[in-house]
Amino acid sequence: MEAQVTEVRPRDREATRQRLLEAARALFSEYGYEQVTVRQIAAAAGANLALVGRYFGSKAGLFGAVLEGEATIRRVLDGDPDGLPRRLAEYAAERMQADPESPILRALERSAGDPEIQALVRDRLQTAVIKPLSALIDAPDAHARARLATALFLGVGSMKRLLGPEPATPADVDRLTTMFETCLR
């Protein structure tokens, strides 16, 4: 009698971790943090449920890892410092009329109020936006100015969520530029 041979997928920790991150990113962006379960993420990734805990500690840890892997507004911050207020205004104006390009920004818009991830969101906002922005400000109270500019930027997203998308006009971009100039200089 011959032994039955079954094909076993070789273990690849990094590939499995990456599949979990990709599945989490997609599910969080579609449904928000609160509505997604670890079981759903593991199933979508074709991975064992226990591996979420092993690789990330928890669902919140997985969300934090997804945040770390996402692009920031670095492309807006890079460039001529004198043009920064205008670049911020143009980016904010884009956000007035369209859903964010990044799946994780969509997830953040749906989930930022969840108490389980508030600390992660706060930390990401500090490290990805406020600190890099304050490093570019050549004025007293750079950190406070960066926080104010960030509040203005986030307020645009809140308005869009509450009132719906609305096309920005050139005058809107000019007004936003003036407001960012006031915040930053």
C-alpha atoms as a PDB file:
ATOM      1  CA  MET A   1       0.000   0.000   0.000  1.00  0.00           C
ATOM      2  CA  GLU A   2       1.402   3.391  -0.999  1.00  0.00           C
ATOM      3  CA  ALA A   3       1.345   6.391   1.301  1.00  0.00           C
ATOM      4  CA  GLN A   4      -0.724   9.267   0.001  1.00  0.00           C
ATOM      5  CA  VAL A   5       1.381  12.315  -0.806  1.00  0.00           C
ATOM      6  CA  THR A   6      -0.154  15.720  -0.360  1.00  0.00           C
ATOM      7  CA  GLU A   7       1.333  18.906  -1.641  1.00  0.00           C
ATOM      8  CA  VAL A   8       2.299  21.242   1.155  1.00  0.00           C
ATOM      9  CA  ARG A   9       2.824  24.907   0.499  1.00  0.00           C
ATOM     10  CA  PRO A  10       6.295  25.886   1.712  1.00  0.00           C
ATOM     11  CA  ARG A  11       6.324  28.253   4.641  1.00  0.00           C
ATOM     12  CA  ASP A  12       7.235  31.768   3.716  1.00  0.00           C
ATOM     13  CA  ARG A  13       6.800  34.109   6.649  1.00  0.00           C
ATOM     14  CA  GLU A  14       7.321  37.297   4.642  1.00  0.00           C
ATOM     15  CA  ALA A  15       4.939  36.283   1.847  1.00  0.00           C
ATOM     16  CA  THR A  16       2.242  35.368   4.380  1.00  0.00           C
ATOM     17  CA  ARG A  17       2.800  38.605   6.277  1.00  0.00           C
ATOM     18  CA  GLN A  18       2.498  40.545   3.017  1.00  0.00           C
ATOM     19  CA  ARG A  19      -0.727  38.725   2.066  1.00  0.00           C
ATOM     20  CA  LEU A  20      -2.186  39.587   5.477  1.00  0.00           C
ATOM     21  CA  LEU A  21      -1.220  43.254   5.045  1.00  0.00           C
ATOM     22  CA  GLU A  22      -2.739  43.404   1.554  1.00  0.00           C
ATOM     23  CA  ALA A  23      -5.959  41.707   2.671  1.00  0.00           C
ATOM     24  CA  ALA A  24      -6.235  44.008   5.693  1.00  0.00           C
ATOM     25  CA  ARG A  25      -5.601  47.110   3.573  1.00  0.00           C
ATOM     26  CA  ALA A  26      -8.337  46.116   1.125  1.00  0.00           C
ATOM     27  CA  LEU A  27     -10.883  45.156   3.798  1.00  0.00           C
ATOM     28  CA  PHE A  28     -10.198  48.156   6.053  1.00  0.00           C
ATOM     29  CA  SER A  29     -10.540  50.531   3.114  1.00  0.00           C
ATOM     30  CA  GLU A  30     -13.812  48.998   2.007  1.00  0.00           C
ATOM     31  CA  TYR A  31     -15.524  48.453   5.362  1.00  0.00           C
ATOM     32  CA  GLY A  32     -13.594  50.445   7.981  1.00  0.00           C
ATOM     33  CA  TYR A  33     -11.736  49.113  10.991  1.00  0.00           C
ATOM     34  CA  GLU A  34     -14.754  48.349  13.154  1.00  0.00           C
ATOM     35  CA  GLN A  35     -16.555  46.193  10.591  1.00  0.00           C
ATOM     36  CA  VAL A  36     -13.619  43.939   9.695  1.00  0.00           C
ATOM     37  CA  THR A  37     -12.742  40.857  11.714  1.00  0.00           C
ATOM     38  CA  VAL A  38      -9.395  39.130  12.016  1.00  0.00           C
ATOM     39  CA  ARG A  39     -11.106  36.000  10.702  1.00  0.00           C
ATOM     40  CA  GLN A  40     -12.099  37.861   7.502  1.00  0.00           C
ATOM     41  CA  ILE A  41      -8.568  39.154   7.018  1.00  0.00           C
ATOM     42  CA  ALA A  42      -7.014  35.708   7.490  1.00  0.00           C
ATOM     43  CA  ALA A  43      -9.532  34.122   5.101  1.00  0.00           C
ATOM     44  CA  ALA A  44      -8.911  36.777   2.431  1.00  0.00           C
ATOM     45  CA  ALA A  45      -5.158  36.241   2.788  1.00  0.00           C
ATOM     46  CA  GLY A  46      -5.429  32.454   2.725  1.00  0.00           C
ATOM     47  CA  ALA A  47      -3.620  32.344   6.051  1.00  0.00           C
ATOM     48  CA  ASN A  48      -4.137  30.772   9.434  1.00  0.00           C
ATOM     49  CA  LEU A  49      -6.025  33.023  11.848  1.00  0.00           C
ATOM     50  CA  ALA A  50      -3.327  32.618  14.516  1.00  0.00           C
ATOM     51  CA  LEU A  51      -0.726  34.198  12.230  1.00  0.00           C
ATOM     52  CA  VAL A  52      -2.332  37.630  12.609  1.00  0.00           C
ATOM     53  CA  GLY A  53      -1.529  37.478  16.316  1.00  0.00           C
ATOM     54  CA  ARG A  54       1.918  36.019  15.738  1.00  0.00           C
ATOM     55  CA  TYR A  55       2.999  38.615  13.166  1.00  0.00           C
ATOM     56  CA  PHE A  56       1.115  41.700  14.351  1.00  0.00           C
ATOM     57  CA  GLY A  57      -0.026  41.062  17.925  1.00  0.00           C
ATOM     58  CA  SER A  58      -3.639  42.037  17.304  1.00  0.00           C
ATOM     59  CA  LYS A  59      -6.042  43.521  14.793  1.00  0.00           C
ATOM     60  CA  ALA A  60      -4.970  46.981  15.987  1.00  0.00           C
ATOM     61  CA  GLY A  61      -1.331  45.991  15.488  1.00  0.00           C
ATOM     62  CA  LEU A  62      -2.156  44.892  11.964  1.00  0.00           C
ATOM     63  CA  PHE A  63      -3.902  48.201  11.315  1.00  0.00           C
ATOM     64  CA  GLY A  64      -0.796  50.004  12.591  1.00  0.00           C
ATOM     65  CA  ALA A  65       1.399  47.984  10.228  1.00  0.00           C
ATOM     66  CA  VAL A  66      -0.891  48.901   7.336  1.00  0.00           C
ATOM     67  CA  LEU A  67      -0.579  52.584   8.317  1.00  0.00           C
ATOM     68  CA  GLU A  68       3.221  52.361   8.421  1.00  0.00           C
ATOM     69  CA  GLY A  69       3.312  50.997   4.893  1.00  0.00           C
ATOM     70  CA  GLU A  70       1.233  53.785   3.395  1.00  0.00           C
ATOM     71  CA  ALA A  71       2.541  56.800   1.586  1.00  0.00           C
ATOM     72  CA  THR A  72       2.293  60.100   3.362  1.00  0.00           C
ATOM     73  CA  ILE A  73       1.770  63.572   1.989  1.00  0.00           C
ATOM     74  CA  ARG A  74       5.525  63.582   1.443  1.00  0.00           C
ATOM     75  CA  ARG A  75       5.090  64.496  -2.230  1.00  0.00           C
ATOM     76  CA  VAL A  76       3.294  67.665  -1.103  1.00  0.00           C
ATOM     77  CA  LEU A  77       5.977  68.520   1.448  1.00  0.00           C
ATOM     78  CA  ASP A  78       8.886  67.963  -0.932  1.00  0.00           C
ATOM     79  CA  GLY A  79       9.938  70.862  -3.111  1.00  0.00           C
ATOM     80  CA  ASP A  80      10.525  74.569  -2.814  1.00  0.00           C
ATOM     81  CA  PRO A  81       9.621  75.711   0.739  1.00  0.00           C
ATOM     82  CA  ASP A  82       8.100  78.933  -0.599  1.00  0.00           C
ATOM     83  CA  GLY A  83       5.627  76.913  -2.671  1.00  0.00           C
ATOM     84  CA  LEU A  84       4.513  74.728   0.255  1.00  0.00           C
ATOM     85  CA  PRO A  85       1.359  76.721   1.142  1.00  0.00           C
ATOM     86  CA  ARG A  86       0.167  76.503  -2.462  1.00  0.00           C
ATOM     87  CA  ARG A  87       0.924  72.771  -2.716  1.00  0.00           C
ATOM     88  CA  LEU A  88      -0.975  72.144   0.525  1.00  0.00           C
ATOM     89  CA  ALA A  89      -3.898  74.228  -0.767  1.00  0.00           C
ATOM     90  CA  GLU A  90      -4.002  72.350  -4.068  1.00  0.00           C
ATOM     91  CA  TYR A  91      -3.883  68.993  -2.297  1.00  0.00           C
ATOM     92  CA  ALA A  92      -6.636  70.062   0.115  1.00  0.00           C
ATOM     93  CA  ALA A  93      -8.705  71.281  -2.843  1.00  0.00           C
ATOM     94  CA  GLU A  94      -8.287  67.868  -4.493  1.00  0.00           C
ATOM     95  CA  ARG A  95      -9.604  66.264  -1.323  1.00  0.00           C
ATOM     96  CA  MET A  96     -12.677  68.525  -1.411  1.00  0.00           C
ATOM     97  CA  GLN A  97     -13.932  66.864  -4.545  1.00  0.00           C
ATOM     98  CA  ALA A  98     -12.639  63.310  -4.648  1.00  0.00           C
ATOM     99  CA  ASP A  99     -12.220  60.260  -2.507  1.00  0.00           C
ATOM    100  CA  PRO A 100      -8.670  59.796  -1.311  1.00  0.00           C
ATOM    101  CA  GLU A 101      -6.423  57.853  -3.669  1.00  0.00           C
ATOM    102  CA  SER A 102      -5.028  55.790  -0.843  1.00  0.00           C
ATOM    103  CA  PRO A 103      -7.126  52.902   0.416  1.00  0.00           C
ATOM    104  CA  ILE A 104      -5.820  53.511   3.910  1.00  0.00           C
ATOM    105  CA  LEU A 105      -6.983  57.139   3.844  1.00  0.00           C
ATOM    106  CA  ARG A 106     -10.442  55.814   3.067  1.00  0.00           C
ATOM    107  CA  ALA A 107     -10.100  53.417   5.990  1.00  0.00           C
ATOM    108  CA  LEU A 108      -8.977  56.253   8.254  1.00  0.00           C
ATOM    109  CA  GLU A 109     -11.931  58.373   7.225  1.00  0.00           C
ATOM    110  CA  ARG A 110     -14.227  55.493   8.171  1.00  0.00           C
ATOM    111  CA  SER A 111     -12.402  54.420  11.343  1.00  0.00           C
ATOM    112  CA  ALA A 112     -10.421  57.200  13.010  1.00  0.00           C
ATOM    113  CA  GLY A 113     -12.877  57.507  15.894  1.00  0.00           C
ATOM    114  CA  ASP A 114     -12.533  53.894  17.006  1.00  0.00           C
ATOM    115  CA  PRO A 115     -11.021  53.919  20.530  1.00  0.00           C
ATOM    116  CA  GLU A 116      -9.000  50.796  19.779  1.00  0.00           C
ATOM    117  CA  ILE A 117      -6.916  52.576  17.127  1.00  0.00           C
ATOM    118  CA  GLN A 118      -6.996  56.234  18.185  1.00  0.00           C
ATOM    119  CA  ALA A 119      -3.465  56.077  19.584  1.00  0.00           C
ATOM    120  CA  LEU A 120      -2.194  54.513  16.345  1.00  0.00           C
ATOM    121  CA  VAL A 121      -3.895  57.181  14.248  1.00  0.00           C
ATOM    122  CA  ARG A 122      -2.572  59.943  16.494  1.00  0.00           C
ATOM    123  CA  ASP A 123       0.976  58.553  16.277  1.00  0.00           C
ATOM    124  CA  ARG A 124       0.797  58.216  12.506  1.00  0.00           C
ATOM    125  CA  LEU A 125      -0.488  61.770  12.144  1.00  0.00           C
ATOM    126  CA  GLN A 126       2.413  63.011  14.278  1.00  0.00           C
ATOM    127  CA  THR A 127       5.125  61.059  12.459  1.00  0.00           C
ATOM    128  CA  ALA A 128       3.815  61.300   8.896  1.00  0.00           C
ATOM    129  CA  VAL A 129       2.445  64.843   8.808  1.00  0.00           C
ATOM    130  CA  ILE A 130       3.006  67.126  11.799  1.00  0.00           C
ATOM    131  CA  LYS A 131       6.690  66.400  12.496  1.00  0.00           C
ATOM    132  CA  PRO A 132       7.827  66.563   8.834  1.00  0.00           C
ATOM    133  CA  LEU A 133       5.764  69.705   8.311  1.00  0.00           C
ATOM    134  CA  SER A 134       7.114  71.421  11.443  1.00  0.00           C
ATOM    135  CA  ALA A 135      10.663  70.627  10.272  1.00  0.00           C
ATOM    136  CA  LEU A 136       9.968  72.722   7.153  1.00  0.00           C
ATOM    137  CA  ILE A 137       8.632  75.752   9.009  1.00  0.00           C
ATOM    138  CA  ASP A 138      11.126  78.504   9.599  1.00  0.00           C
ATOM    139  CA  ALA A 139       9.108  80.455  12.160  1.00  0.00           C
ATOM    140  CA  PRO A 140       8.573  80.569  15.901  1.00  0.00           C
ATOM    141  CA  ASP A 141       6.307  77.845  17.287  1.00  0.00           C
ATOM    142  CA  ALA A 142       6.859  75.582  14.270  1.00  0.00           C
ATOM    143  CA  HIS A 143       5.138  72.620  15.936  1.00  0.00           C
ATOM    144  CA  ALA A 144       2.048  74.662  16.823  1.00  0.00           C
ATOM    145  CA  ARG A 145       1.939  76.067  13.289  1.00  0.00           C
ATOM    146  CA  ALA A 146       2.222  72.569  11.800  1.00  0.00           C
ATOM    147  CA  ARG A 147      -0.649  71.392  14.026  1.00  0.00           C
ATOM    148  CA  LEU A 148      -2.798  74.316  12.890  1.00  0.00           C
ATOM    149  CA  ALA A 149      -2.059  73.656   9.210  1.00  0.00           C
ATOM    150  CA  THR A 150      -2.850  69.983   9.770  1.00  0.00           C
ATOM    151  CA  ALA A 151      -6.143  70.898  11.432  1.00  0.00           C
ATOM    152  CA  LEU A 152      -7.044  72.992   8.391  1.00  0.00           C
ATOM    153  CA  PHE A 153      -6.122  70.132   6.099  1.00  0.00           C
ATOM    154  CA  LEU A 154      -8.119  67.581   8.112  1.00  0.00           C
ATOM    155  CA  GLY A 155     -11.075  69.946   8.293  1.00  0.00           C
ATOM    156  CA  VAL A 156     -11.387  69.837   4.520  1.00  0.00           C
ATOM    157  CA  GLY A 157     -11.773  66.050   4.723  1.00  0.00           C
ATOM    158  CA  SER A 158     -14.365  66.361   7.484  1.00  0.00           C
ATOM    159  CA  MET A 159     -16.411  68.827   5.468  1.00  0.00           C
ATOM    160  CA  LYS A 160     -16.369  66.518   2.463  1.00  0.00           C
ATOM    161  CA  ARG A 161     -17.538  63.587   4.600  1.00  0.00           C
ATOM    162  CA  LEU A 162     -20.349  65.626   6.146  1.00  0.00           C
ATOM    163  CA  LEU A 163     -21.528  67.608   3.130  1.00  0.00           C
ATOM    164  CA  GLY A 164     -20.360  65.499   0.219  1.00  0.00           C
ATOM    165  CA  PRO A 165     -17.772  66.240  -2.438  1.00  0.00           C
ATOM    166  CA  GLU A 166     -17.783  69.646  -4.024  1.00  0.00           C
ATOM    167  CA  PRO A 167     -15.528  70.901  -6.803  1.00  0.00           C
ATOM    168  CA  ALA A 168     -12.952  73.413  -5.638  1.00  0.00           C
ATOM    169  CA  THR A 169     -12.706  76.651  -7.567  1.00  0.00           C
ATOM    170  CA  PRO A 170      -9.508  78.562  -8.301  1.00  0.00           C
ATOM    171  CA  ALA A 171     -10.701  81.090  -5.710  1.00  0.00           C
ATOM    172  CA  ASP A 172     -10.953  78.268  -3.140  1.00  0.00           C
ATOM    173  CA  VAL A 173      -7.340  77.313  -3.854  1.00  0.00           C
ATOM    174  CA  ASP A 174      -6.282  80.960  -3.480  1.00  0.00           C
ATOM    175  CA  ARG A 175      -8.110  81.281  -0.145  1.00  0.00           C
ATOM    176  CA  LEU A 176      -6.648  78.010   1.103  1.00  0.00           C
ATOM    177  CA  THR A 177      -3.183  79.165   0.034  1.00  0.00           C
ATOM    178  CA  THR A 178      -3.616  82.331   2.080  1.00  0.00           C
ATOM    179  CA  MET A 179      -4.769  80.324   5.072  1.00  0.00           C
ATOM    180  CA  PHE A 180      -1.811  77.924   4.826  1.00  0.00           C
ATOM    181  CA  GLU A 181       0.570  80.876   4.440  1.00  0.00           C
ATOM    182  CA  THR A 182      -0.867  82.367   7.634  1.00  0.00           C
ATOM    183  CA  CYS A 183      -0.448  79.061   9.460  1.00  0.00           C
ATOM    184  CA  LEU A 184       3.090  78.384   8.279  1.00  0.00           C
ATOM    185  CA  ARG A 185       4.781  81.788   8.289  1.00  0.00           C
END
